[in-house]
C-alpha atoms as a PDB file:
ATOM      1  CA  MET A   1       0.102   0.037   0.002  1.00  0.00           C
ATOM      2  CA  ILE A   2       2.845   2.318   0.839  1.00  0.00           C
ATOM      3  CA  GLU A   3       4.551   1.428  -2.467  1.00  0.00           C
ATOM      4  CA  LEU A   4       1.269   2.258  -4.422  1.00  0.00           C
ATOM      5  CA  LEU A   5       0.972   5.836  -2.456  1.00  0.00           C
ATOM      6  CA  ILE A   6       4.500   6.616  -3.212  1.00  0.00           C
ATOM      7  CA  THR A   7       4.167   5.787  -6.909  1.00  0.00           C
ATOM      8  CA  LEU A   8       0.903   7.785  -6.892  1.00  0.00           C
ATOM      9  CA  GLY A   9       2.616  10.743  -5.467  1.00  0.00           C
ATOM     10  CA  LEU A  10       5.606  10.580  -7.833  1.00  0.00           C
ATOM     11  CA  ILE A  11       3.005  10.380 -10.767  1.00  0.00           C
ATOM     12  CA  GLY A  12       1.195  13.739  -9.275  1.00  0.00           C
ATOM     13  CA  VAL A  13       4.537  15.490  -9.117  1.00  0.00           C
ATOM     14  CA  VAL A  14       5.800  14.554 -12.771  1.00  0.00           C
ATOM     15  CA  SER A  15       2.112  15.443 -14.135  1.00  0.00           C
ATOM     16  CA  ALA A  16       2.448  18.828 -12.034  1.00  0.00           C
ATOM     17  CA  ILE A  17       5.660  19.722 -13.703  1.00  0.00           C
ATOM     18  CA  SER A  18       4.659  18.328 -17.253  1.00  0.00           C
ATOM     19  CA  VAL A  19       1.439  20.031 -17.654  1.00  0.00           C
ATOM     20  CA  PRO A  20       2.584  23.718 -17.795  1.00  0.00           C
ATOM     21  CA  VAL A  21       5.524  22.905 -20.134  1.00  0.00           C
ATOM     22  CA  PHE A  22       2.846  21.117 -22.292  1.00  0.00           C
ATOM     23  CA  ILE A  23       0.514  24.213 -22.279  1.00  0.00           C
ATOM     24  CA  GLU A  24       3.587  26.373 -23.236  1.00  0.00           C
ATOM     25  CA  SER A  25       4.700  24.310 -25.780  1.00  0.00           C
ATOM     26  CA  ASN A  26       1.379  24.295 -27.586  1.00  0.00           C
ATOM     27  CA  ALA A  27       1.224  28.012 -27.120  1.00  0.00           C
ATOM     28  CA  ARG A  28       4.530  28.362 -28.984  1.00  0.00           C
ATOM     29  CA  SER A  29       3.416  25.944 -31.603  1.00  0.00           C
ATOM     30  CA  SER A  30       0.486  27.860 -32.463  1.00  0.00           C
ATOM     31  CA  LEU A  31       2.294  30.880 -32.608  1.00  0.00           C
ATOM     32  CA  TRP A  32       4.970  29.502 -34.897  1.00  0.00           C
ATOM     33  CA  SER A  33       1.989  27.883 -37.106  1.00  0.00           C
ATOM     34  CA  GLY A  34       0.408  31.365 -37.292  1.00  0.00           C
ATOM     35  CA  SER A  35       3.444  33.414 -38.411  1.00  0.00           C
ATOM     36  CA  GLU A  36       4.452  30.599 -40.722  1.00  0.00           C
ATOM     37  CA  GLN A  37       0.884  30.695 -42.497  1.00  0.00           C
ATOM     38  CA  ILE A  38       1.232  34.702 -42.730  1.00  0.00           C
ATOM     39  CA  GLY A  39       4.617  34.008 -44.518  1.00  0.00           C
ATOM     40  CA  ALA A  40       3.239  31.384 -46.647  1.00  0.00           C
ATOM     41  CA  SER A  41       0.504  33.509 -47.965  1.00  0.00           C
ATOM     42  CA  ILE A  42       2.807  36.203 -48.798  1.00  0.00           C
ATOM     43  CA  ARG A  43       5.365  33.845 -50.666  1.00  0.00           C
ATOM     44  CA  SER A  44       2.318  32.438 -52.480  1.00  0.00           C
ATOM     45  CA  ALA A  45       1.098  35.829 -53.551  1.00  0.00           C
ATOM     46  CA  ARG A  46       4.668  36.698 -54.826  1.00  0.00           C
ATOM     47  CA  LEU A  47       5.005  33.386 -56.907  1.00  0.00           C
ATOM     48  CA  LYS A  48       1.660  33.853 -58.237  1.00  0.00           C
ATOM     49  CA  ALA A  49       2.274  37.439 -59.152  1.00  0.00           C
ATOM     50  CA  ILE A  50       5.444  36.659 -60.928  1.00  0.00           C
ATOM     51  CA  SER A  51       4.270  33.558 -62.632  1.00  0.00           C
ATOM     52  CA  GLN A  52       1.083  35.290 -63.924  1.00  0.00           C
ATOM     53  CA  ASN A  53       2.666  38.815 -64.487  1.00  0.00           C
ATOM     54  CA  THR A  54      -0.150  40.022 -62.480  1.00  0.00           C
ATOM     55  CA  ALA A  55      -0.588  42.071 -59.289  1.00  0.00           C
ATOM     56  CA  TYR A  56      -2.016  40.331 -56.168  1.00  0.00           C
ATOM     57  CA  ARG A  57      -2.660  41.703 -52.724  1.00  0.00           C
ATOM     58  CA  VAL A  58      -2.274  39.930 -49.453  1.00  0.00           C
ATOM     59  CA  THR A  59      -5.203  41.664 -47.588  1.00  0.00           C
ATOM     60  CA  PHE A  60      -5.264  41.830 -43.621  1.00  0.00           C
ATOM     61  CA  ASP A  61      -8.225  41.272 -41.283  1.00  0.00           C
ATOM     62  CA  CYS A  62     -10.009  39.891 -44.591  1.00  0.00           C
ATOM     63  CA  PRO A  63     -12.754  39.364 -44.336  1.00  0.00           C
ATOM     64  CA  SER A  64     -12.731  39.698 -40.596  1.00  0.00           C
ATOM     65  CA  ALA A  65      -9.944  40.293 -37.580  1.00  0.00           C
ATOM     66  CA  ASN A  66      -6.937  38.014 -37.777  1.00  0.00           C
ATOM     67  CA  GLU A  67      -7.738  36.402 -41.138  1.00  0.00           C
ATOM     68  CA  LEU A  68      -6.173  37.057 -44.632  1.00  0.00           C
ATOM     69  CA  ARG A  69      -6.754  36.556 -48.009  1.00  0.00           C
ATOM     70  CA  THR A  70      -4.730  36.803 -51.422  1.00  0.00           C
ATOM     71  CA  LEU A  71      -6.521  38.739 -53.894  1.00  0.00           C
ATOM     72  CA  VAL A  72      -6.011  39.384 -57.748  1.00  0.00           C
ATOM     73  CA  VAL A  73      -5.573  42.895 -58.437  1.00  0.00           C
ATOM     74  CA  THR A  74      -7.991  43.326 -61.625  1.00  0.00           C
ATOM     75  CA  GLY A  75      -6.822  46.958 -62.602  1.00  0.00           C
ATOM     76  CA  ASP A  76     -10.517  48.127 -62.127  1.00  0.00           C
ATOM     77  CA  LYS A  77     -10.249  50.727 -58.911  1.00  0.00           C
ATOM     78  CA  LYS A  78     -13.868  50.009 -58.332  1.00  0.00           C
ATOM     79  CA  VAL A  79     -13.459  46.378 -58.179  1.00  0.00           C
ATOM     80  CA  ASP A  80     -10.340  46.522 -56.379  1.00  0.00           C
ATOM     81  CA  ASP A  81     -11.201  49.180 -53.640  1.00  0.00           C
ATOM     82  CA  ASP A  82     -14.537  47.722 -52.969  1.00  0.00           C
ATOM     83  CA  LYS A  83     -15.065  47.860 -49.270  1.00  0.00           C
ATOM     84  CA  ASP A  84     -16.904  44.393 -49.894  1.00  0.00           C
ATOM     85  CA  ARG A  85     -13.913  43.162 -51.863  1.00  0.00           C
ATOM     86  CA  CYS A  86     -12.831  40.619 -49.158  1.00  0.00           C
ATOM     87  CA  SER A  87     -16.328  38.877 -49.183  1.00  0.00           C
ATOM     88  CA  GLN A  88     -16.363  38.481 -53.155  1.00  0.00           C
ATOM     89  CA  THR A  89     -14.143  35.627 -54.895  1.00  0.00           C
ATOM     90  CA  ILE A  90     -12.522  36.433 -58.440  1.00  0.00           C
ATOM     91  CA  ASP A  91     -10.985  33.874 -60.411  1.00  0.00           C
ATOM     92  CA  GLY A  92      -7.067  33.803 -58.872  1.00  0.00           C
ATOM     93  CA  ASP A  93      -8.115  34.808 -55.030  1.00  0.00           C
ATOM     94  CA  SER A  94      -7.257  32.495 -52.532  1.00  0.00           C
ATOM     95  CA  GLY A  95      -9.350  31.192 -49.667  1.00  0.00           C
ATOM     96  CA  ILE A  96      -9.577  32.568 -46.128  1.00  0.00           C
ATOM     97  CA  VAL A  97      -6.420  31.863 -44.291  1.00  0.00           C
ATOM     98  CA  GLN A  98      -7.455  31.407 -40.588  1.00  0.00           C
ATOM     99  CA  LEU A  99      -4.960  31.442 -37.673  1.00  0.00           C
ATOM    100  CA  PRO A 100      -4.702  29.012 -35.040  1.00  0.00           C
ATOM    101  CA  VAL A 101      -7.105  29.959 -31.837  1.00  0.00           C
ATOM    102  CA  GLY A 102      -5.479  32.665 -29.830  1.00  0.00           C
ATOM    103  CA  VAL A 103      -3.187  33.813 -32.316  1.00  0.00           C
ATOM    104  CA  ALA A 104      -3.364  37.507 -33.439  1.00  0.00           C
ATOM    105  CA  TYR A 105      -1.153  39.853 -35.682  1.00  0.00           C
ATOM    106  CA  ASP A 106      -0.605  43.474 -36.105  1.00  0.00           C
ATOM    107  CA  VAL A 107       0.526  45.024 -39.104  1.00  0.00           C
ATOM    108  CA  ALA A 108       0.554  48.762 -37.814  1.00  0.00           C
ATOM    109  CA  ASP A 109      -1.313  50.939 -40.376  1.00  0.00           C
ATOM    110  CA  ALA A 110      -1.080  48.564 -43.245  1.00  0.00           C
ATOM    111  CA  SER A 111      -4.171  47.455 -44.658  1.00  0.00           C
ATOM    112  CA  SER A 112      -2.470  44.948 -47.312  1.00  0.00           C
ATOM    113  CA  LEU A 113       0.752  44.075 -49.220  1.00  0.00           C
ATOM    114  CA  GLN A 114       0.438  44.715 -52.813  1.00  0.00           C
ATOM    115  CA  VAL A 115       3.015  42.597 -54.940  1.00  0.00           C
ATOM    116  CA  SER A 116       3.482  43.683 -58.518  1.00  0.00           C
ATOM    117  CA  GLY A 117       3.806  41.227 -61.703  1.00  0.00           C
ATOM    118  CA  ARG A 118       7.718  41.513 -61.154  1.00  0.00           C
ATOM    119  CA  GLY A 119       7.787  40.536 -57.574  1.00  0.00           C
ATOM    120  CA  ILE A 120       8.017  44.055 -55.934  1.00  0.00           C
ATOM    121  CA  PHE A 121       6.350  44.677 -52.859  1.00  0.00           C
ATOM    122  CA  THR A 122       4.423  47.724 -51.522  1.00  0.00           C
ATOM    123  CA  ALA A 123       2.179  48.036 -48.388  1.00  0.00           C
ATOM    124  CA  ASN A 124      -0.977  49.993 -48.713  1.00  0.00           C
ATOM    125  CA  GLY A 125      -1.026  52.475 -45.606  1.00  0.00           C
ATOM    126  CA  GLY A 126       2.447  51.408 -44.468  1.00  0.00           C
ATOM    127  CA  GLY A 127       6.069  51.414 -45.224  1.00  0.00           C
ATOM    128  CA  ILE A 128       8.305  48.782 -46.638  1.00  0.00           C
ATOM    129  CA  PRO A 129      10.169  46.874 -44.928  1.00  0.00           C
ATOM    130  CA  LEU A 130       6.692  45.874 -43.344  1.00  0.00           C
ATOM    131  CA  THR A 131       6.880  44.383 -39.720  1.00  0.00           C
ATOM    132  CA  ILE A 132       4.331  42.164 -38.823  1.00  0.00           C
ATOM    133  CA  THR A 133       4.107  41.250 -35.152  1.00  0.00           C
ATOM    134  CA  VAL A 134       2.322  37.767 -34.236  1.00  0.00           C
ATOM    135  CA  THR A 135       1.347  37.016 -30.636  1.00  0.00           C
ATOM    136  CA  HIS A 136      -0.277  34.326 -28.636  1.00  0.00           C
ATOM    137  CA  GLY A 137      -0.551  35.454 -24.992  1.00  0.00           C
ATOM    138  CA  THR A 138       2.628  36.826 -24.112  1.00  0.00           C
ATOM    139  CA  ALA A 139       4.669  35.184 -26.659  1.00  0.00           C
ATOM    140  CA  THR A 140       5.487  37.138 -29.716  1.00  0.00           C
ATOM    141  CA  ARG A 141       7.245  36.373 -33.076  1.00  0.00           C
ATOM    142  CA  THR A 142       7.809  39.124 -35.843  1.00  0.00           C
ATOM    143  CA  LEU A 143       8.137  38.857 -39.606  1.00  0.00           C
ATOM    144  CA  THR A 144       9.601  41.564 -41.720  1.00  0.00           C
ATOM    145  CA  VAL A 145       8.754  41.692 -45.460  1.00  0.00           C
ATOM    146  CA  SER A 146      11.152  43.643 -47.887  1.00  0.00           C
ATOM    147  CA  GLY A 147      10.437  45.059 -51.069  1.00  0.00           C
ATOM    148  CA  THR A 148      11.834  42.183 -52.671  1.00  0.00           C
ATOM    149  CA  GLY A 149       9.701  39.809 -50.869  1.00  0.00           C
ATOM    150  CA  GLN A 150      12.355  38.680 -48.422  1.00  0.00           C
ATOM    151  CA  ILE A 151      10.736  37.653 -45.004  1.00  0.00           C
ATOM    152  CA  THR A 152      12.786  37.264 -41.999  1.00  0.00           C
ATOM    153  CA  PHE A 153      11.526  35.934 -38.728  1.00  0.00           C
ATOM    154  CA  THR A 154      12.605  36.572 -35.155  1.00  0.00           C
ATOM    155  CA  ASP A 155      12.795  33.664 -32.834  1.00  0.00           C
ATOM    156  CA  VAL A 156       9.662  33.368 -30.288  1.00  0.00           C
ATOM    157  CA  GLN A 157      10.178  35.727 -27.481  1.00  0.00           C
END
């Protein structure tokens, strides 16, 4: 009986130590995944733009907060700048990228990143290089997008 109590006590101590570590690991994993999803969307938009010689926009908070989409630029300002553009789908648009639960991002004043058919980025409402801060709880990871589309990540902090 004493041996059983000691074994159960050890299991309880190990569990008490491992559960917070497991929770922190899941939070970091979600943060990492979310920032990689944003980076992948930006890379994909650049690839589409260059291969099709067509401008694309990676639009943030599209159609709602903490979601993003890659939208083809038609050249028609009435269509491209329509306030409901995020809820419309034109041939070439991507699906909605939803980040993991609890992950949020901040792009400062930029509403979108536009990439030309030559692969050059501009930030609508912001400057290049554009720094995107991704958070989950108190952990953060930033990615910086240069004018040529190079993306650099910081380690999770």
